[in-house]
Amino acid sequence: MKVFVLSGSSSIGQAAIRVLLDAGHEVCATYRSGVPEGLDRATWVRADVRSTDDLDALAGPAEGTDVLLLLPGLSLGLKLESYDDDRISDVVDVNFSGQFRAIQRIAPVLADGSQIIVLGSQAGQRGSNDPLYGATKGAMHALAKSLAKSLTPRTRVNVVAPGMVTGTAMHDGTPPAVLDMHINTTPTGHLISAADLAHVLLDIMQPHWAQLNGACIDLNGGMYVR
């Protein structure tokens, strides 16, 4: 299986690539500022999702991909009044429009029977104190539903929406009191790790999930039930 990972240098991206490589799969991944150490078995392509030139160059490396894994995410943790035009553009480009453009370029070269997996967020389901982060994640959830209709039967599209993920920049930048609140209000009593999330992503790439399309898998320990 060939997997193309957009934003492979992120903490979740690195965890996913490690799991995929250990399972014997071929991985091509993008990085923005540096290739992570210890993952040289993957093929790396420099790409910033905010750059149309970078995105234009992805169709070649992505040709014949079985799974496109979309992992970009940017949260500035700002209130409505704190966003200026540059910050708005950055968040929208990373969380939505850049990924939309990437799909435009890569979807036509995906293999028959392929899948696109979007890394969503509980913020995209229930909203967020950072309104633009919640809105853009919600936009990706909605886009996935529409693509699940328009790209099938050749390509299925699904979302995996975790809550707080340990070992990520967002987790590390969250005040301890807020982390304690997340843990204490999660019925399972713990948060998901990037490594465990990576194993979930690997599992839904397998043939026994072939009927999964247009779905959103919530990984929040029962904190938010719908």
N, C-alpha and C. Protein backbone atom coordinates (compact mmCIF):
# COMPACT_ATOMS: atom_id res chain seq x y z
N MET A 1 0.85 -1.19 0.00
CA MET A 1 0.00 0.00 0.00
C MET A 1 0.88 1.24 0.00
N LYS A 2 0.56 2.20 -0.85
CA LYS A 2 1.27 3.47 -0.90
C LYS A 2 0.44 4.54 -0.22
N VAL A 3 1.05 5.23 0.73
CA VAL A 3 0.36 6.27 1.49
C VAL A 3 1.09 7.59 1.30
N PHE A 4 0.34 8.62 0.97
CA PHE A 4 0.90 9.97 0.84
C PHE A 4 0.42 10.78 2.04
N VAL A 5 1.37 11.30 2.81
CA VAL A 5 1.05 12.01 4.05
C VAL A 5 1.34 13.49 3.87
N LEU A 6 0.30 14.30 3.88
CA LEU A 6 0.47 15.75 3.83
C LEU A 6 0.70 16.26 5.25
N SER A 7 1.79 16.97 5.44
CA SER A 7 2.24 17.43 6.76
C SER A 7 2.81 16.27 7.58
N GLY A 8 3.68 15.53 6.93
CA GLY A 8 4.28 14.37 7.58
C GLY A 8 5.27 14.71 8.67
N SER A 9 5.77 15.94 8.69
CA SER A 9 6.75 16.32 9.70
C SER A 9 6.12 16.74 11.01
N SER A 10 4.79 16.82 11.07
CA SER A 10 4.11 17.13 12.33
C SER A 10 4.26 15.94 13.28
N SER A 11 3.96 16.15 14.54
CA SER A 11 4.12 15.07 15.52
C SER A 11 3.20 13.89 15.19
N ILE A 12 1.96 14.18 14.80
CA ILE A 12 1.05 13.10 14.41
C ILE A 12 1.53 12.47 13.10
N GLY A 13 2.03 13.30 12.20
CA GLY A 13 2.55 12.78 10.95
C GLY A 13 3.71 11.83 11.16
N GLN A 14 4.63 12.20 12.02
CA GLN A 14 5.78 11.33 12.30
C GLN A 14 5.33 10.01 12.92
N ALA A 15 4.38 10.09 13.84
CA ALA A 15 3.87 8.85 14.46
C ALA A 15 3.21 7.96 13.42
N ALA A 16 2.43 8.57 12.53
CA ALA A 16 1.75 7.79 11.49
C ALA A 16 2.75 7.15 10.53
N ILE A 17 3.75 7.92 10.13
CA ILE A 17 4.75 7.39 9.20
C ILE A 17 5.51 6.23 9.83
N ARG A 18 5.86 6.38 11.08
CA ARG A 18 6.59 5.30 11.78
C ARG A 18 5.76 4.01 11.79
N VAL A 19 4.49 4.13 12.10
CA VAL A 19 3.61 2.95 12.14
C VAL A 19 3.45 2.35 10.75
N LEU A 20 3.29 3.19 9.75
CA LEU A 20 3.12 2.71 8.38
C LEU A 20 4.37 2.00 7.88
N LEU A 21 5.53 2.59 8.13
CA LEU A 21 6.78 1.96 7.70
C LEU A 21 7.01 0.63 8.40
N ASP A 22 6.72 0.59 9.69
CA ASP A 22 6.90 -0.66 10.44
C ASP A 22 5.98 -1.76 9.93
N ALA A 23 4.83 -1.34 9.36
CA ALA A 23 3.89 -2.32 8.80
C ALA A 23 4.24 -2.70 7.36
N GLY A 24 5.32 -2.12 6.83
CA GLY A 24 5.79 -2.50 5.51
C GLY A 24 5.20 -1.73 4.35
N HIS A 25 4.58 -0.59 4.63
CA HIS A 25 3.95 0.19 3.56
C HIS A 25 4.90 1.24 2.99
N GLU A 26 4.64 1.62 1.76
CA GLU A 26 5.41 2.67 1.09
C GLU A 26 4.83 4.02 1.49
N VAL A 27 5.70 4.95 1.89
CA VAL A 27 5.23 6.25 2.37
C VAL A 27 5.96 7.37 1.64
N CYS A 28 5.19 8.32 1.15
CA CYS A 28 5.71 9.58 0.65
C CYS A 28 5.07 10.68 1.49
N ALA A 29 5.87 11.61 1.98
CA ALA A 29 5.35 12.60 2.93
C ALA A 29 5.93 13.97 2.64
N THR A 30 5.19 14.99 3.06
CA THR A 30 5.68 16.36 2.89
C THR A 30 6.21 16.91 4.20
N TYR A 31 7.16 17.81 4.06
CA TYR A 31 7.68 18.56 5.19
C TYR A 31 7.77 20.02 4.78
N ARG A 32 7.81 20.92 5.76
CA ARG A 32 7.88 22.35 5.46
C ARG A 32 9.26 22.93 5.73
N SER A 33 9.86 22.57 6.87
CA SER A 33 11.13 23.21 7.23
C SER A 33 12.26 22.23 7.53
N GLY A 34 11.98 20.95 7.56
CA GLY A 34 13.05 19.99 7.82
C GLY A 34 12.51 18.57 7.89
N VAL A 35 13.29 17.62 7.38
CA VAL A 35 12.90 16.21 7.42
C VAL A 35 13.19 15.66 8.81
N PRO A 36 12.23 15.03 9.46
CA PRO A 36 12.46 14.48 10.80
C PRO A 36 13.52 13.38 10.79
N GLU A 37 14.25 13.29 11.88
CA GLU A 37 15.28 12.26 12.00
C GLU A 37 14.64 10.87 12.20
N GLY A 38 15.31 9.87 11.66
CA GLY A 38 14.89 8.50 11.90
C GLY A 38 13.79 7.99 10.99
N LEU A 39 13.38 8.80 10.01
CA LEU A 39 12.30 8.38 9.12
C LEU A 39 12.75 8.43 7.66
N ASP A 40 14.02 8.10 7.44
CA ASP A 40 14.57 8.22 6.10
C ASP A 40 14.11 7.11 5.15
N ARG A 41 13.38 6.13 5.68
CA ARG A 41 12.81 5.10 4.78
C ARG A 41 11.65 5.66 3.97
N ALA A 42 11.08 6.76 4.42
CA ALA A 42 10.01 7.43 3.66
C ALA A 42 10.63 8.32 2.59
N THR A 43 9.86 8.60 1.56
CA THR A 43 10.25 9.59 0.55
C THR A 43 9.68 10.94 0.97
N TRP A 44 10.53 11.97 0.97
CA TRP A 44 10.10 13.28 1.47
C TRP A 44 10.09 14.32 0.36
N VAL A 45 9.05 15.15 0.38
CA VAL A 45 8.89 16.24 -0.58
C VAL A 45 8.62 17.52 0.20
N ARG A 46 9.36 18.57 -0.10
CA ARG A 46 9.11 19.83 0.59
C ARG A 46 7.85 20.48 0.03
N ALA A 47 6.92 20.84 0.92
CA ALA A 47 5.69 21.50 0.48
C ALA A 47 5.06 22.26 1.63
N ASP A 48 4.73 23.49 1.37
CA ASP A 48 3.95 24.32 2.29
C ASP A 48 2.54 24.41 1.72
N VAL A 49 1.54 24.00 2.47
CA VAL A 49 0.18 23.96 1.93
C VAL A 49 -0.33 25.35 1.57
N ARG A 50 0.36 26.39 2.03
CA ARG A 50 -0.04 27.75 1.68
C ARG A 50 0.51 28.19 0.32
N SER A 51 1.35 27.37 -0.28
CA SER A 51 1.99 27.71 -1.56
C SER A 51 1.39 26.89 -2.69
N THR A 52 0.76 27.56 -3.64
CA THR A 52 0.19 26.84 -4.78
C THR A 52 1.28 26.21 -5.64
N ASP A 53 2.45 26.85 -5.72
CA ASP A 53 3.55 26.26 -6.48
C ASP A 53 3.98 24.93 -5.86
N ASP A 54 4.09 24.90 -4.53
CA ASP A 54 4.46 23.65 -3.86
C ASP A 54 3.40 22.58 -4.10
N LEU A 55 2.14 22.97 -4.02
CA LEU A 55 1.06 22.00 -4.21
C LEU A 55 1.02 21.49 -5.64
N ASP A 56 1.34 22.36 -6.60
CA ASP A 56 1.35 21.93 -8.00
C ASP A 56 2.35 20.80 -8.24
N ALA A 57 3.39 20.75 -7.41
CA ALA A 57 4.45 19.76 -7.61
C ALA A 57 4.14 18.41 -6.96
N LEU A 58 2.99 18.28 -6.31
CA LEU A 58 2.71 17.05 -5.56
C LEU A 58 2.09 15.94 -6.40
N ALA A 59 1.51 16.27 -7.54
CA ALA A 59 0.81 15.25 -8.33
C ALA A 59 1.75 14.13 -8.75
N GLY A 60 2.97 14.46 -9.14
CA GLY A 60 3.92 13.44 -9.56
C GLY A 60 4.26 12.45 -8.46
N PRO A 61 4.76 12.93 -7.31
CA PRO A 61 5.09 12.01 -6.22
C PRO A 61 3.88 11.23 -5.70
N ALA A 62 2.68 11.81 -5.83
CA ALA A 62 1.48 11.17 -5.28
C ALA A 62 0.82 10.20 -6.24
N GLU A 63 1.31 10.10 -7.46
CA GLU A 63 0.65 9.24 -8.45
C GLU A 63 0.60 7.79 -7.98
N GLY A 64 -0.59 7.18 -8.10
CA GLY A 64 -0.77 5.80 -7.72
C GLY A 64 -0.95 5.57 -6.23
N THR A 65 -1.16 6.65 -5.49
CA THR A 65 -1.33 6.55 -4.04
C THR A 65 -2.64 5.82 -3.69
N ASP A 66 -2.57 4.95 -2.70
CA ASP A 66 -3.75 4.24 -2.22
C ASP A 66 -4.49 5.00 -1.12
N VAL A 67 -3.73 5.71 -0.28
CA VAL A 67 -4.33 6.48 0.80
C VAL A 67 -3.67 7.85 0.88
N LEU A 68 -4.48 8.89 0.81
CA LEU A 68 -4.02 10.26 1.03
C LEU A 68 -4.41 10.64 2.44
N LEU A 69 -3.41 10.92 3.27
CA LEU A 69 -3.63 11.26 4.67
C LEU A 69 -3.37 12.74 4.86
N LEU A 70 -4.42 13.48 5.20
CA LEU A 70 -4.34 14.94 5.34
C LEU A 70 -4.23 15.32 6.80
N LEU A 71 -3.06 15.82 7.20
CA LEU A 71 -2.80 16.10 8.61
C LEU A 71 -2.55 17.57 8.96
N PRO A 72 -2.54 18.52 8.03
CA PRO A 72 -2.24 19.89 8.42
C PRO A 72 -3.21 20.43 9.46
N GLY A 73 -2.69 21.25 10.35
CA GLY A 73 -3.54 21.88 11.36
C GLY A 73 -2.80 23.02 12.03
N LEU A 74 -3.49 24.14 12.20
CA LEU A 74 -2.90 25.31 12.84
C LEU A 74 -3.92 25.94 13.77
N SER A 75 -3.58 26.01 15.04
CA SER A 75 -4.42 26.69 16.02
C SER A 75 -3.59 27.77 16.70
N LEU A 76 -4.05 29.01 16.63
CA LEU A 76 -3.34 30.11 17.27
C LEU A 76 -3.89 30.41 18.66
N GLY A 77 -5.02 29.79 18.99
CA GLY A 77 -5.60 29.98 20.32
C GLY A 77 -6.07 31.40 20.59
N LEU A 78 -6.55 32.07 19.54
CA LEU A 78 -6.94 33.48 19.66
C LEU A 78 -8.45 33.65 19.78
N LYS A 79 -8.83 34.75 20.38
CA LYS A 79 -10.23 35.17 20.41
C LYS A 79 -10.56 35.89 19.10
N LEU A 80 -11.84 36.07 18.86
CA LEU A 80 -12.30 36.69 17.62
C LEU A 80 -11.61 38.01 17.35
N GLU A 81 -11.55 38.88 18.36
CA GLU A 81 -11.03 40.24 18.17
C GLU A 81 -9.52 40.29 17.96
N SER A 82 -8.83 39.18 18.19
CA SER A 82 -7.37 39.18 18.10
C SER A 82 -6.85 38.78 16.72
N TYR A 83 -7.73 38.37 15.84
CA TYR A 83 -7.30 37.95 14.51
C TYR A 83 -7.14 39.14 13.58
N ASP A 84 -5.94 39.29 12.99
CA ASP A 84 -5.76 40.26 11.92
C ASP A 84 -5.79 39.50 10.58
N ASP A 85 -5.67 40.24 9.49
CA ASP A 85 -5.83 39.62 8.17
C ASP A 85 -4.79 38.53 7.90
N ASP A 86 -3.55 38.78 8.31
CA ASP A 86 -2.49 37.80 8.06
C ASP A 86 -2.76 36.50 8.82
N ARG A 87 -3.18 36.63 10.06
CA ARG A 87 -3.46 35.43 10.86
C ARG A 87 -4.67 34.68 10.32
N ILE A 88 -5.67 35.42 9.88
CA ILE A 88 -6.84 34.78 9.27
C ILE A 88 -6.40 33.96 8.05
N SER A 89 -5.58 34.58 7.20
CA SER A 89 -5.14 33.89 5.99
C SER A 89 -4.34 32.64 6.31
N ASP A 90 -3.45 32.73 7.30
CA ASP A 90 -2.63 31.58 7.66
C ASP A 90 -3.48 30.40 8.12
N VAL A 91 -4.40 30.66 9.03
CA VAL A 91 -5.22 29.58 9.58
C VAL A 91 -6.13 28.98 8.51
N VAL A 92 -6.76 29.83 7.71
CA VAL A 92 -7.65 29.33 6.66
C VAL A 92 -6.86 28.54 5.62
N ASP A 93 -5.68 29.03 5.24
CA ASP A 93 -4.89 28.34 4.23
C ASP A 93 -4.41 26.97 4.72
N VAL A 94 -3.94 26.91 5.96
CA VAL A 94 -3.43 25.64 6.48
C VAL A 94 -4.56 24.66 6.75
N ASN A 95 -5.62 25.13 7.38
CA ASN A 95 -6.67 24.23 7.85
C ASN A 95 -7.72 23.89 6.81
N PHE A 96 -7.84 24.72 5.77
CA PHE A 96 -8.88 24.43 4.78
C PHE A 96 -8.44 24.61 3.34
N SER A 97 -8.19 25.85 2.91
CA SER A 97 -8.01 26.08 1.48
C SER A 97 -6.78 25.39 0.91
N GLY A 98 -5.69 25.31 1.69
CA GLY A 98 -4.52 24.59 1.22
C GLY A 98 -4.79 23.11 1.03
N GLN A 99 -5.56 22.54 1.94
CA GLN A 99 -5.91 21.13 1.82
C GLN A 99 -6.88 20.90 0.67
N PHE A 100 -7.79 21.84 0.47
CA PHE A 100 -8.71 21.76 -0.68
C PHE A 100 -7.90 21.73 -1.98
N ARG A 101 -6.92 22.64 -2.09
CA ARG A 101 -6.10 22.69 -3.30
C ARG A 101 -5.26 21.42 -3.46
N ALA A 102 -4.78 20.90 -2.34
CA ALA A 102 -4.01 19.65 -2.41
C ALA A 102 -4.87 18.51 -2.94
N ILE A 103 -6.10 18.42 -2.47
CA ILE A 103 -7.01 17.38 -2.95
C ILE A 103 -7.29 17.57 -4.43
N GLN A 104 -7.47 18.81 -4.87
CA GLN A 104 -7.70 19.07 -6.29
C GLN A 104 -6.59 18.48 -7.15
N ARG A 105 -5.37 18.60 -6.68
CA ARG A 105 -4.22 18.17 -7.47
C ARG A 105 -3.92 16.68 -7.34
N ILE A 106 -4.20 16.12 -6.17
CA ILE A 106 -3.82 14.73 -5.92
C ILE A 106 -4.93 13.74 -6.24
N ALA A 107 -6.18 14.11 -6.02
CA ALA A 107 -7.29 13.17 -6.23
C ALA A 107 -7.28 12.54 -7.63
N PRO A 108 -6.99 13.31 -8.70
CA PRO A 108 -7.02 12.69 -10.03
C PRO A 108 -5.96 11.61 -10.25
N VAL A 109 -4.90 11.59 -9.44
CA VAL A 109 -3.83 10.61 -9.65
C VAL A 109 -3.85 9.49 -8.61
N LEU A 110 -4.86 9.48 -7.75
CA LEU A 110 -4.98 8.40 -6.77
C LEU A 110 -5.35 7.09 -7.47
N ALA A 111 -5.00 5.99 -6.85
CA ALA A 111 -5.31 4.67 -7.40
C ALA A 111 -6.81 4.39 -7.31
N ASP A 112 -7.30 3.52 -8.16
CA ASP A 112 -8.68 3.06 -8.03
C ASP A 112 -8.84 2.34 -6.68
N GLY A 113 -9.97 2.59 -6.01
CA GLY A 113 -10.19 1.99 -4.70
C GLY A 113 -9.44 2.69 -3.59
N SER A 114 -9.04 3.92 -3.82
CA SER A 114 -8.25 4.67 -2.85
C SER A 114 -9.13 5.29 -1.77
N GLN A 115 -8.46 5.90 -0.81
CA GLN A 115 -9.16 6.56 0.29
C GLN A 115 -8.43 7.85 0.67
N ILE A 116 -9.20 8.86 1.00
CA ILE A 116 -8.67 10.08 1.60
C ILE A 116 -9.11 10.10 3.05
N ILE A 117 -8.15 10.27 3.95
CA ILE A 117 -8.45 10.36 5.38
C ILE A 117 -8.08 11.75 5.86
N VAL A 118 -9.06 12.45 6.40
CA VAL A 118 -8.87 13.81 6.91
C VAL A 118 -8.71 13.75 8.42
N LEU A 119 -7.66 14.39 8.93
CA LEU A 119 -7.55 14.53 10.38
C LEU A 119 -8.41 15.71 10.80
N GLY A 120 -9.57 15.40 11.38
CA GLY A 120 -10.46 16.44 11.86
C GLY A 120 -10.15 16.78 13.30
N SER A 121 -11.16 17.22 14.01
CA SER A 121 -10.97 17.62 15.41
C SER A 121 -12.33 17.70 16.08
N GLN A 122 -12.33 17.46 17.39
CA GLN A 122 -13.57 17.68 18.13
C GLN A 122 -13.98 19.14 18.06
N ALA A 123 -13.02 20.03 17.85
CA ALA A 123 -13.35 21.45 17.68
C ALA A 123 -14.21 21.67 16.44
N GLY A 124 -14.03 20.82 15.44
CA GLY A 124 -14.85 20.91 14.24
C GLY A 124 -16.24 20.37 14.44
N GLN A 125 -16.46 19.63 15.52
CA GLN A 125 -17.76 19.06 15.84
C GLN A 125 -18.56 19.94 16.79
N ARG A 126 -17.90 20.48 17.79
CA ARG A 126 -18.61 21.15 18.88
C ARG A 126 -18.27 22.63 19.02
N GLY A 127 -17.35 23.13 18.15
CA GLY A 127 -16.91 24.51 18.28
C GLY A 127 -15.68 24.62 19.16
N SER A 128 -15.14 25.82 19.24
CA SER A 128 -13.89 26.04 19.96
C SER A 128 -13.83 27.46 20.48
N ASN A 129 -13.08 27.67 21.55
CA ASN A 129 -12.84 29.04 22.02
C ASN A 129 -12.02 29.84 21.02
N ASP A 130 -11.29 29.12 20.17
CA ASP A 130 -10.62 29.75 19.03
C ASP A 130 -11.57 29.60 17.84
N PRO A 131 -12.34 30.64 17.53
CA PRO A 131 -13.43 30.48 16.56
C PRO A 131 -12.97 30.09 15.16
N LEU A 132 -11.82 30.60 14.74
CA LEU A 132 -11.38 30.30 13.39
C LEU A 132 -10.87 28.87 13.27
N TYR A 133 -10.22 28.39 14.30
CA TYR A 133 -9.78 26.99 14.30
C TYR A 133 -10.99 26.06 14.22
N GLY A 134 -11.98 26.29 15.08
CA GLY A 134 -13.18 25.45 15.06
C GLY A 134 -13.90 25.51 13.73
N ALA A 135 -13.99 26.72 13.16
CA ALA A 135 -14.70 26.89 11.89
C ALA A 135 -13.99 26.19 10.74
N THR A 136 -12.66 26.31 10.69
CA THR A 136 -11.93 25.70 9.58
C THR A 136 -11.89 24.18 9.70
N LYS A 137 -11.80 23.67 10.92
CA LYS A 137 -11.87 22.22 11.10
C LYS A 137 -13.26 21.71 10.72
N GLY A 138 -14.29 22.46 11.11
CA GLY A 138 -15.64 22.09 10.72
C GLY A 138 -15.82 22.11 9.21
N ALA A 139 -15.16 23.05 8.55
CA ALA A 139 -15.23 23.13 7.09
C ALA A 139 -14.63 21.88 6.45
N MET A 140 -13.54 21.36 7.01
CA MET A 140 -12.95 20.13 6.48
C MET A 140 -13.87 18.94 6.69
N HIS A 141 -14.56 18.91 7.83
CA HIS A 141 -15.54 17.84 8.07
C HIS A 141 -16.62 17.88 6.98
N ALA A 142 -17.12 19.08 6.70
CA ALA A 142 -18.17 19.22 5.69
C ALA A 142 -17.66 18.87 4.30
N LEU A 143 -16.44 19.31 3.99
CA LEU A 143 -15.85 18.99 2.69
C LEU A 143 -15.74 17.48 2.51
N ALA A 144 -15.32 16.79 3.55
CA ALA A 144 -15.16 15.33 3.45
C ALA A 144 -16.49 14.66 3.11
N LYS A 145 -17.58 15.13 3.70
CA LYS A 145 -18.89 14.56 3.40
C LYS A 145 -19.24 14.75 1.93
N SER A 146 -18.98 15.94 1.41
CA SER A 146 -19.29 16.20 0.01
C SER A 146 -18.40 15.38 -0.92
N LEU A 147 -17.12 15.29 -0.59
CA LEU A 147 -16.21 14.51 -1.43
C LEU A 147 -16.53 13.02 -1.38
N ALA A 148 -17.06 12.57 -0.25
CA ALA A 148 -17.46 11.16 -0.14
C ALA A 148 -18.54 10.82 -1.14
N LYS A 149 -19.33 11.80 -1.53
CA LYS A 149 -20.36 11.59 -2.55
C LYS A 149 -19.79 11.75 -3.96
N SER A 150 -18.93 12.76 -4.14
CA SER A 150 -18.50 13.10 -5.49
C SER A 150 -17.32 12.27 -6.00
N LEU A 151 -16.51 11.71 -5.11
CA LEU A 151 -15.33 10.97 -5.55
C LEU A 151 -15.52 9.46 -5.60
N THR A 152 -16.57 8.96 -4.95
CA THR A 152 -16.82 7.52 -5.01
C THR A 152 -17.45 7.18 -6.37
N PRO A 153 -17.27 5.93 -6.84
CA PRO A 153 -16.71 4.77 -6.14
C PRO A 153 -15.19 4.66 -6.21
N ARG A 154 -14.53 5.56 -6.93
CA ARG A 154 -13.07 5.43 -7.10
C ARG A 154 -12.32 5.73 -5.82
N THR A 155 -12.79 6.73 -5.07
CA THR A 155 -12.08 7.15 -3.85
C THR A 155 -13.08 7.39 -2.73
N ARG A 156 -12.86 6.76 -1.59
CA ARG A 156 -13.66 7.02 -0.40
C ARG A 156 -13.01 8.13 0.43
N VAL A 157 -13.83 8.81 1.23
CA VAL A 157 -13.32 9.92 2.05
C VAL A 157 -13.91 9.81 3.45
N ASN A 158 -13.04 9.86 4.45
CA ASN A 158 -13.47 9.77 5.84
C ASN A 158 -12.68 10.73 6.72
N VAL A 159 -13.23 10.98 7.90
CA VAL A 159 -12.61 11.88 8.88
C VAL A 159 -12.34 11.10 10.16
N VAL A 160 -11.19 11.35 10.76
CA VAL A 160 -10.91 10.90 12.12
C VAL A 160 -10.76 12.14 12.98
N ALA A 161 -11.60 12.25 14.01
CA ALA A 161 -11.66 13.47 14.81
C ALA A 161 -11.29 13.19 16.26
N PRO A 162 -10.02 13.38 16.62
CA PRO A 162 -9.63 13.17 18.02
C PRO A 162 -9.91 14.39 18.88
N GLY A 163 -9.90 14.16 20.17
CA GLY A 163 -9.85 15.27 21.10
C GLY A 163 -8.40 15.70 21.26
N MET A 164 -8.02 16.13 22.44
CA MET A 164 -6.64 16.50 22.69
C MET A 164 -5.73 15.28 22.50
N VAL A 165 -4.64 15.47 21.76
CA VAL A 165 -3.70 14.39 21.48
C VAL A 165 -2.39 14.67 22.19
N THR A 166 -1.94 13.75 23.02
CA THR A 166 -0.69 13.97 23.74
C THR A 166 0.50 13.90 22.79
N GLY A 167 1.53 14.66 23.13
CA GLY A 167 2.74 14.67 22.31
C GLY A 167 2.69 15.61 21.13
N THR A 168 1.65 16.44 21.05
CA THR A 168 1.53 17.41 19.96
C THR A 168 1.83 18.81 20.48
N ALA A 169 2.04 19.74 19.56
CA ALA A 169 2.32 21.12 19.94
C ALA A 169 1.14 21.72 20.70
N MET A 170 -0.08 21.39 20.28
CA MET A 170 -1.26 21.92 20.97
C MET A 170 -1.31 21.40 22.41
N HIS A 171 -1.05 20.12 22.58
CA HIS A 171 -1.05 19.54 23.93
C HIS A 171 0.04 20.18 24.79
N ASP A 172 1.24 20.30 24.23
CA ASP A 172 2.36 20.83 25.00
C ASP A 172 2.17 22.30 25.35
N GLY A 173 1.39 23.02 24.54
CA GLY A 173 1.16 24.44 24.81
C GLY A 173 -0.07 24.72 25.65
N THR A 174 -0.76 23.69 26.08
CA THR A 174 -1.97 23.86 26.89
C THR A 174 -1.61 23.92 28.37
N PRO A 175 -2.14 24.89 29.11
CA PRO A 175 -1.85 24.99 30.54
C PRO A 175 -2.22 23.71 31.28
N PRO A 176 -1.43 23.32 32.28
CA PRO A 176 -1.69 22.08 33.02
C PRO A 176 -3.11 21.99 33.59
N ALA A 177 -3.64 23.11 34.06
CA ALA A 177 -4.99 23.08 34.63
C ALA A 177 -6.03 22.71 33.58
N VAL A 178 -5.81 23.19 32.35
CA VAL A 178 -6.74 22.87 31.27
C VAL A 178 -6.60 21.40 30.87
N LEU A 179 -5.37 20.90 30.85
CA LEU A 179 -5.17 19.48 30.56
C LEU A 179 -5.84 18.61 31.61
N ASP A 180 -5.70 19.00 32.87
CA ASP A 180 -6.36 18.24 33.94
C ASP A 180 -7.87 18.22 33.75
N MET A 181 -8.42 19.35 33.31
CA MET A 181 -9.86 19.42 33.06
C MET A 181 -10.26 18.45 31.96
N HIS A 182 -9.46 18.41 30.89
CA HIS A 182 -9.75 17.48 29.79
C HIS A 182 -9.75 16.04 30.29
N ILE A 183 -8.73 15.69 31.05
CA ILE A 183 -8.62 14.32 31.54
C ILE A 183 -9.75 13.98 32.51
N ASN A 184 -10.04 14.91 33.41
CA ASN A 184 -11.05 14.64 34.45
C ASN A 184 -12.47 14.55 33.89
N THR A 185 -12.70 15.19 32.73
CA THR A 185 -14.04 15.15 32.13
C THR A 185 -14.15 14.12 31.00
N THR A 186 -13.08 13.36 30.78
CA THR A 186 -13.11 12.30 29.78
C THR A 186 -13.46 10.98 30.47
N PRO A 187 -14.55 10.33 30.09
CA PRO A 187 -14.98 9.10 30.77
C PRO A 187 -13.91 8.02 30.84
N THR A 188 -13.06 7.92 29.83
CA THR A 188 -12.01 6.90 29.87
C THR A 188 -10.87 7.28 30.82
N GLY A 189 -10.81 8.54 31.22
CA GLY A 189 -9.81 8.98 32.19
C GLY A 189 -8.44 9.26 31.62
N HIS A 190 -8.32 9.32 30.30
CA HIS A 190 -7.02 9.62 29.70
C HIS A 190 -7.23 10.18 28.30
N LEU A 191 -6.18 10.77 27.76
CA LEU A 191 -6.20 11.32 26.41
C LEU A 191 -5.55 10.32 25.45
N ILE A 192 -5.81 10.48 24.17
CA ILE A 192 -5.20 9.61 23.18
C ILE A 192 -3.80 10.13 22.85
N SER A 193 -2.88 9.22 22.60
CA SER A 193 -1.52 9.60 22.21
C SER A 193 -1.41 9.65 20.70
N ALA A 194 -0.38 10.34 20.21
CA ALA A 194 -0.15 10.39 18.77
C ALA A 194 0.10 8.98 18.22
N ALA A 195 0.79 8.14 18.99
CA ALA A 195 1.06 6.77 18.54
C ALA A 195 -0.21 5.95 18.43
N ASP A 196 -1.10 6.07 19.41
CA ASP A 196 -2.36 5.32 19.35
C ASP A 196 -3.23 5.82 18.20
N LEU A 197 -3.25 7.13 18.00
CA LEU A 197 -3.99 7.70 16.87
C LEU A 197 -3.44 7.15 15.56
N ALA A 198 -2.13 7.04 15.46
CA ALA A 198 -1.51 6.51 14.24
C ALA A 198 -1.97 5.09 13.96
N HIS A 199 -2.12 4.28 15.00
CA HIS A 199 -2.58 2.90 14.81
C HIS A 199 -4.04 2.87 14.33
N VAL A 200 -4.86 3.81 14.82
CA VAL A 200 -6.24 3.90 14.33
C VAL A 200 -6.23 4.24 12.85
N LEU A 201 -5.41 5.21 12.47
CA LEU A 201 -5.33 5.61 11.07
C LEU A 201 -4.90 4.43 10.19
N LEU A 202 -3.91 3.68 10.66
CA LEU A 202 -3.46 2.51 9.91
C LEU A 202 -4.59 1.49 9.76
N ASP A 203 -5.34 1.27 10.82
CA ASP A 203 -6.38 0.24 10.78
C ASP A 203 -7.46 0.57 9.76
N ILE A 204 -7.90 1.83 9.71
CA ILE A 204 -9.00 2.14 8.78
C ILE A 204 -8.53 2.22 7.33
N MET A 205 -7.24 2.04 7.11
CA MET A 205 -6.74 1.91 5.74
C MET A 205 -6.89 0.48 5.22
N GLN A 206 -7.24 -0.45 6.09
CA GLN A 206 -7.27 -1.87 5.72
C GLN A 206 -8.55 -2.23 4.96
N PRO A 207 -8.51 -3.30 4.16
CA PRO A 207 -9.65 -3.68 3.32
C PRO A 207 -10.94 -3.95 4.08
N HIS A 208 -10.84 -4.38 5.35
CA HIS A 208 -12.08 -4.69 6.07
C HIS A 208 -12.89 -3.44 6.41
N TRP A 209 -12.34 -2.25 6.13
CA TRP A 209 -13.08 -1.00 6.31
C TRP A 209 -13.63 -0.47 4.98
N ALA A 210 -13.73 -1.30 3.98
CA ALA A 210 -14.07 -0.84 2.63
C ALA A 210 -15.45 -0.19 2.53
N GLN A 211 -16.33 -0.44 3.48
CA GLN A 211 -17.67 0.16 3.44
C GLN A 211 -17.70 1.52 4.14
N LEU A 212 -16.61 1.91 4.77
CA LEU A 212 -16.56 3.19 5.47
C LEU A 212 -16.39 4.32 4.46
N ASN A 213 -17.37 5.21 4.39
CA ASN A 213 -17.31 6.34 3.46
C ASN A 213 -18.20 7.46 3.97
N GLY A 214 -17.67 8.67 4.00
CA GLY A 214 -18.44 9.80 4.49
C GLY A 214 -18.62 9.79 6.00
N ALA A 215 -17.78 9.03 6.69
CA ALA A 215 -17.93 8.87 8.14
C ALA A 215 -16.96 9.77 8.89
N CYS A 216 -17.29 9.99 10.15
CA CYS A 216 -16.40 10.69 11.07
C CYS A 216 -16.24 9.82 12.31
N ILE A 217 -15.03 9.38 12.56
CA ILE A 217 -14.74 8.55 13.72
C ILE A 217 -14.26 9.45 14.85
N ASP A 218 -15.04 9.52 15.93
CA ASP A 218 -14.69 10.35 17.08
C ASP A 218 -13.79 9.58 18.03
N LEU A 219 -12.70 10.20 18.44
CA LEU A 219 -11.76 9.59 19.38
C LEU A 219 -11.56 10.52 20.56
N ASN A 220 -12.62 10.65 21.37
CA ASN A 220 -12.56 11.58 22.49
C ASN A 220 -12.82 10.92 23.83
N GLY A 221 -12.81 9.59 23.87
CA GLY A 221 -13.02 8.88 25.12
C GLY A 221 -14.41 9.02 25.70
N GLY A 222 -15.37 9.46 24.87
CA GLY A 222 -16.74 9.64 25.34
C GLY A 222 -17.00 11.00 25.95
N MET A 223 -16.02 11.92 25.83
CA MET A 223 -16.20 13.26 26.39
C MET A 223 -17.34 13.99 25.70
N TYR A 224 -17.45 13.79 24.39
CA TYR A 224 -18.54 14.39 23.62
C TYR A 224 -19.21 13.26 22.85
N VAL A 225 -20.46 13.03 23.14
CA VAL A 225 -21.20 11.94 22.50
C VAL A 225 -22.29 12.53 21.63
N ARG A 226 -22.41 12.03 20.41
CA ARG A 226 -23.45 12.54 19.51
C ARG A 226 -24.14 11.38 18.82
